[in-house]
Each structure stands twice: as C-alpha cells, then as structure tokens.
Protein backbone atom coordinates (compact mmCIF):
# COMPACT_ATOMS: atom_id res chain seq x y z
CA UNK A 1 0.00 0.00 0.00
CA UNK A 2 1.23 3.49 -0.85
CA UNK A 3 1.23 6.41 1.58
CA UNK A 4 -1.61 8.79 0.69
CA UNK A 5 -4.12 10.96 2.57
CA UNK A 6 -5.84 9.03 5.37
CA UNK A 7 -3.24 6.30 5.68
CA UNK A 8 -1.18 5.53 8.78
CA UNK A 9 2.55 5.22 8.17
CA UNK A 10 4.67 3.58 10.85
CA UNK A 11 8.09 5.19 10.79
CA UNK A 12 11.50 4.78 12.37
CA UNK A 13 12.84 8.30 12.91
CA UNK A 14 16.18 9.83 13.78
CA UNK A 15 16.69 13.59 14.18
CA UNK A 16 20.06 15.34 14.14
CA UNK A 17 21.16 18.95 13.90
CA UNK A 18 22.81 20.30 10.74
CA UNK A 19 26.22 19.14 12.02
CA UNK A 20 24.98 15.57 12.48
CA UNK A 21 24.76 15.70 16.30
CA UNK A 22 21.98 13.35 17.36
CA UNK A 23 18.96 15.08 18.92
CA UNK A 24 16.57 12.14 18.99
CA UNK A 25 16.75 8.50 17.99
CA UNK A 26 13.33 7.07 18.76
CA UNK A 27 13.55 3.55 20.11
CA UNK A 28 9.91 2.87 19.28
CA UNK A 29 8.50 3.43 15.80
CA UNK A 30 5.94 6.22 15.42
CA UNK A 31 2.55 5.74 13.76
CA UNK A 32 1.61 8.91 11.87
CA UNK A 33 -1.77 9.74 10.34
CA UNK A 34 -1.02 11.27 6.94
CA UNK A 35 -3.14 13.96 5.35
CA UNK A 36 -2.41 17.39 6.80
CA UNK A 37 -3.62 16.62 10.34
CA UNK A 38 -0.54 18.17 11.96
CA UNK A 39 0.91 14.85 13.15
CA UNK A 40 4.27 15.52 11.56
CA UNK A 41 6.06 18.28 9.67
CA UNK A 42 4.62 19.11 6.23
CA UNK A 43 8.07 18.46 4.68
CA UNK A 44 8.03 14.91 6.07
CA UNK A 45 4.51 14.30 4.74
CA UNK A 46 5.57 15.60 1.32
CA UNK A 47 8.57 13.25 1.24
CA UNK A 48 6.38 10.29 2.22
CA UNK A 49 3.59 10.91 -0.30
CA UNK A 50 3.27 7.93 -2.65
CA UNK A 51 5.97 5.88 -0.90
CA UNK A 52 5.72 2.28 0.34
CA UNK A 53 7.15 0.20 3.20
CA UNK A 54 10.93 0.00 2.94
CA UNK A 55 11.30 3.60 1.71
CA UNK A 56 14.20 5.39 3.40
CA UNK A 57 15.24 9.03 3.14
CA UNK A 58 17.31 11.67 4.86
CA UNK A 59 15.76 15.12 4.75
CA UNK A 60 17.76 18.30 5.31
CA UNK A 61 15.26 20.83 6.60
CA UNK A 62 15.77 24.56 7.04
CA UNK A 63 14.29 26.12 10.19
CA UNK A 64 11.30 27.29 8.11
CA UNK A 65 10.64 23.69 6.97
CA UNK A 66 11.11 22.37 10.51
CA UNK A 67 9.93 24.31 13.58
CA UNK A 68 10.34 27.88 12.32
CA UNK A 69 12.68 30.66 13.32
CA UNK A 70 12.93 31.66 16.96
CA UNK A 71 10.53 34.42 17.98
CA UNK A 72 12.03 36.50 20.78
CA UNK A 73 8.56 37.94 21.55
CA UNK A 74 7.70 34.50 22.97
CA UNK A 75 10.08 34.94 25.92
CA UNK A 76 8.39 35.71 29.25
CA UNK A 77 9.43 36.10 32.85
CA UNK A 78 7.18 35.45 35.81
CA UNK A 79 7.68 35.60 39.56
CA UNK A 80 8.71 32.25 41.05
CA UNK A 81 6.03 32.71 43.75
CA UNK A 82 3.38 32.36 41.00
CA UNK A 83 4.51 28.79 40.27
CA UNK A 84 3.70 25.62 42.19
CA UNK A 85 6.48 24.38 44.48
CA UNK A 86 9.16 22.37 42.72
CA UNK A 87 9.24 24.36 39.45
CA UNK A 88 12.24 23.10 37.45
CA UNK A 89 14.07 24.00 34.26
CA UNK A 90 12.52 21.94 31.47
CA UNK A 91 9.05 22.08 33.03
CA UNK A 92 6.10 23.22 30.95
CA UNK A 93 3.23 25.63 31.43
CA UNK A 94 0.25 26.50 29.23
CA UNK A 95 -0.55 30.20 29.11
CA UNK A 96 -3.75 31.66 27.67
CA UNK A 97 -3.05 34.20 24.96
CA UNK A 98 -5.19 36.37 22.74
CA UNK A 99 -8.84 37.28 22.94
CA UNK A 100 -10.02 33.86 21.72
CA UNK A 101 -8.35 32.20 24.72
CA UNK A 102 -5.86 30.12 22.74
CA UNK A 103 -3.18 28.44 24.81
CA UNK A 104 0.56 28.37 24.06
CA UNK A 105 2.95 25.92 25.66
CA UNK A 106 5.91 27.54 27.40
CA UNK A 107 9.03 25.76 28.64
CA UNK A 108 10.87 26.83 31.78
CA UNK A 109 14.24 27.82 30.32
CA UNK A 110 15.96 29.31 33.37
CA UNK A 111 15.35 30.17 37.00
CA UNK A 112 17.19 33.29 38.21
CA UNK A 113 16.58 34.00 41.88
CA UNK A 114 12.86 34.80 42.26
CA UNK A 115 12.24 34.96 38.50
CA UNK A 116 11.27 32.11 36.17
CA UNK A 117 12.16 32.62 32.50
CA UNK A 118 9.76 31.00 30.01
CA UNK A 119 10.21 30.31 26.30
CA UNK A 120 7.19 29.79 24.02
CA UNK A 121 9.31 28.70 21.06
CA UNK A 122 9.51 25.02 20.12
CA UNK A 123 12.79 23.69 21.58
CA UNK A 124 14.06 23.05 18.02
CA UNK A 125 12.98 26.45 16.62
CA UNK A 126 15.72 28.19 14.67
CA UNK A 127 17.56 24.95 13.91
CA UNK A 128 18.26 23.26 10.60
CA UNK A 129 17.54 19.57 11.02
CA UNK A 130 18.62 16.33 9.38
CA UNK A 131 15.79 13.81 9.65
CA UNK A 132 16.39 10.18 8.72
CA UNK A 133 13.29 8.07 8.30
CA UNK A 134 12.33 4.57 7.24
CA UNK A 135 8.79 3.46 6.44
CA UNK A 136 8.09 0.21 8.28
CA UNK A 137 4.43 -0.22 7.33
CA UNK A 138 1.43 1.52 5.78
CA UNK A 139 -2.25 0.87 6.40
CA UNK A 140 -5.58 2.56 5.81
CA UNK A 141 -6.62 4.80 8.69
CA UNK A 142 -9.80 3.92 10.56
CA UNK A 143 -12.77 6.29 10.57
CA UNK A 144 -12.10 6.91 14.27
CA UNK A 145 -8.47 7.85 13.62
CA UNK A 146 -9.53 10.29 10.89
CA UNK A 147 -12.19 11.80 13.19
CA UNK A 148 -9.64 12.14 16.03
CA UNK A 149 -6.88 13.42 13.68
CA UNK A 150 -4.25 10.96 14.96
CA UNK A 151 -3.24 7.31 14.75
CA UNK A 152 -4.44 4.84 17.38
CA UNK A 153 -3.23 1.37 18.30
CA UNK A 154 0.26 0.01 18.06
CA UNK A 155 2.85 2.84 18.08
CA UNK A 156 0.02 5.41 17.90
CA UNK A 157 -2.09 7.25 20.47
CA UNK A 158 -3.94 5.21 23.08
CA UNK A 159 -7.11 6.51 24.72
C-alpha cells in the first residue's frame, strides 16, 4: 500500500542537527496519520507521499521547513512565587493568549533568583535539522483515527 491521505505510516525516525549531532533516535516506531492533520512536519509528509514500506530518506530541513525561526517575543518572565512548588528548568506551562483564549505551551528555560524565564518557542525552533526516516508499514486509517486526527493502536495514540 502506498502512503496517501488518510493512511497511517509507521516510521523509524532519527533527528540530528545540521552538524549531524543526534537530537533524537526514537527507540519505538511512530505511527503517523497522513493527510495534513498536523501529526508531523509538512516536509516529512511531502517526502512520504506515494511511498511504500521500505522507503528510506534523509531530509535536510531549514528552520522554516522544521519548527520555524525563533521568535524572541515569545520569551516571558514570571515571579517564582506564581509557580507551584518544585518548578524546574525543562518544566512546561500553558498560558492563555489572545482574545479567543488560545493556549501556548511555554518551557521553563531558566530560573534566576525569584524569576522564572519562560520560552514559548519550540525547543528546536531556529535549527536546521537532518531527519532520517524509514517506512516500516502503511495501512488505511480507521474512521475513528480520521475523526480524532491521529493514529491509534500500536505505536500510535492510546485513549
């Protein structure tokens, strides 16, 4: 079966920076619902379109093709007293933004005295990435997976 819209591709992924330093080497394969559902980067979906199990590729992605450029306006600082006890660097916090009440995920990037510095950029924003992938299997997505906009079952999301 070929990878097309509304198929689930099970992938082995490895992510490195532009110098080849390993960022992530997933031990478990990832099941990805294909079709513009936001389950993976558009550049990865484009490379997978029409491919079959056994396909392998290494993609060199610019920051714009990956997680975008860093946006310094997404840096915030809050008083440490406004956080629950035990706040740590690497922790996450959702903050409501905008009039529509959308939430953005912020990462605790640094704690300086009584101030917690937050970063709303994706941790890989601003980086060129080298993504190696191998297609292990392809199957038709279930109606439930399409409705939920993500893969279920083995290597996918479990409810």
